[in-house]
Amino acid sequence: FACDDAMKIKVPTLLLTGELSPPIFRPIIKELQRCIPEAECSIIPKSSHAMHAGNPEAYNAQVLSFLSRH
């Protein structure tokens, strides 16, 4: 999966990562955001990679906000 592949995604895309997620995920998310034309990125505070379980309130707020805009 390369940037050229990601550029083919033509729909609004929400990229999420946790504030406490392993550091390896940050550059991946940044690269995906750069490559996907309509990507938005949010960091879920006080959560690791399982954001929906680690901070469900913040996770739900970000997802619902994204969905309401698109």
Protein backbone atom coordinates (compact mmCIF):
# COMPACT_ATOMS: atom_id res chain seq x y z
CA PHE A 1 0.00 0.00 0.00
CA ALA A 2 1.67 3.19 -1.20
CA CYS A 3 0.77 6.86 -1.30
CA ASP A 4 -0.48 6.44 -4.88
CA ASP A 5 -2.94 3.85 -3.59
CA ALA A 6 -4.11 6.14 -0.78
CA MET A 7 -4.63 9.00 -3.25
CA LYS A 8 -7.35 6.91 -4.87
CA ILE A 9 -9.49 7.31 -1.75
CA LYS A 10 -11.87 10.07 -2.80
CA VAL A 11 -14.19 10.25 0.19
CA PRO A 12 -13.81 12.15 3.47
CA THR A 13 -11.65 10.02 5.74
CA LEU A 14 -11.17 10.29 9.48
CA LEU A 15 -7.80 9.17 10.78
CA LEU A 16 -7.58 8.69 14.53
CA THR A 17 -4.72 7.94 16.84
CA GLY A 18 -4.45 7.88 20.59
CA GLU A 19 -2.34 10.32 22.55
CA LEU A 20 -0.72 7.34 24.28
CA SER A 21 -0.51 5.10 21.20
CA PRO A 22 2.86 3.60 20.33
CA PRO A 23 5.02 6.26 18.66
CA ILE A 24 5.27 4.26 15.43
CA PHE A 25 1.67 5.17 14.56
CA ARG A 26 2.22 8.95 14.38
CA PRO A 27 4.35 9.00 11.19
CA ILE A 28 1.99 6.50 9.57
CA ILE A 29 -1.02 8.70 10.32
CA LYS A 30 0.82 11.81 9.07
CA GLU A 31 1.74 10.06 5.82
CA LEU A 32 -1.81 8.84 5.29
CA GLN A 33 -3.12 12.34 5.94
CA ARG A 34 -0.69 13.70 3.36
CA CYS A 35 -1.70 11.11 0.78
CA ILE A 36 -5.48 10.92 1.21
CA PRO A 37 -6.98 14.05 -0.37
CA GLU A 38 -9.90 14.47 2.05
CA ALA A 39 -8.32 13.11 5.23
CA GLU A 40 -8.73 14.66 8.64
CA CYS A 41 -6.69 13.59 11.64
CA SER A 42 -7.56 13.73 15.31
CA ILE A 43 -5.70 12.63 18.40
CA ILE A 44 -7.81 11.08 21.12
CA PRO A 45 -6.50 12.31 24.48
CA LYS A 46 -5.68 10.00 27.38
CA SER A 47 -5.96 6.91 25.21
CA SER A 48 -3.75 4.36 23.55
CA HIS A 49 -4.42 2.49 20.32
CA ALA A 50 -7.79 1.13 21.50
CA MET A 51 -9.27 4.63 21.56
CA HIS A 52 -12.89 3.48 21.55
CA ALA A 53 -12.23 1.72 24.88
CA GLY A 54 -9.61 4.03 26.39
CA ASN A 55 -11.57 7.25 26.02
CA PRO A 56 -14.98 6.43 24.52
CA GLU A 57 -16.41 9.90 25.17
CA ALA A 58 -13.68 11.67 23.17
CA TYR A 59 -13.70 8.97 20.51
CA ASN A 60 -17.46 9.19 20.03
CA ALA A 61 -17.34 12.99 19.96
CA GLN A 62 -14.71 12.98 17.19
CA VAL A 63 -16.53 10.37 15.11
CA LEU A 64 -19.93 12.04 15.50
CA SER A 65 -18.48 15.44 14.68
CA PHE A 66 -16.84 14.06 11.54
CA LEU A 67 -20.04 12.32 10.47
CA SER A 68 -22.15 15.44 11.04
CA ARG A 69 -19.85 17.43 8.73
CA HIS A 70 -19.94 14.81 5.99
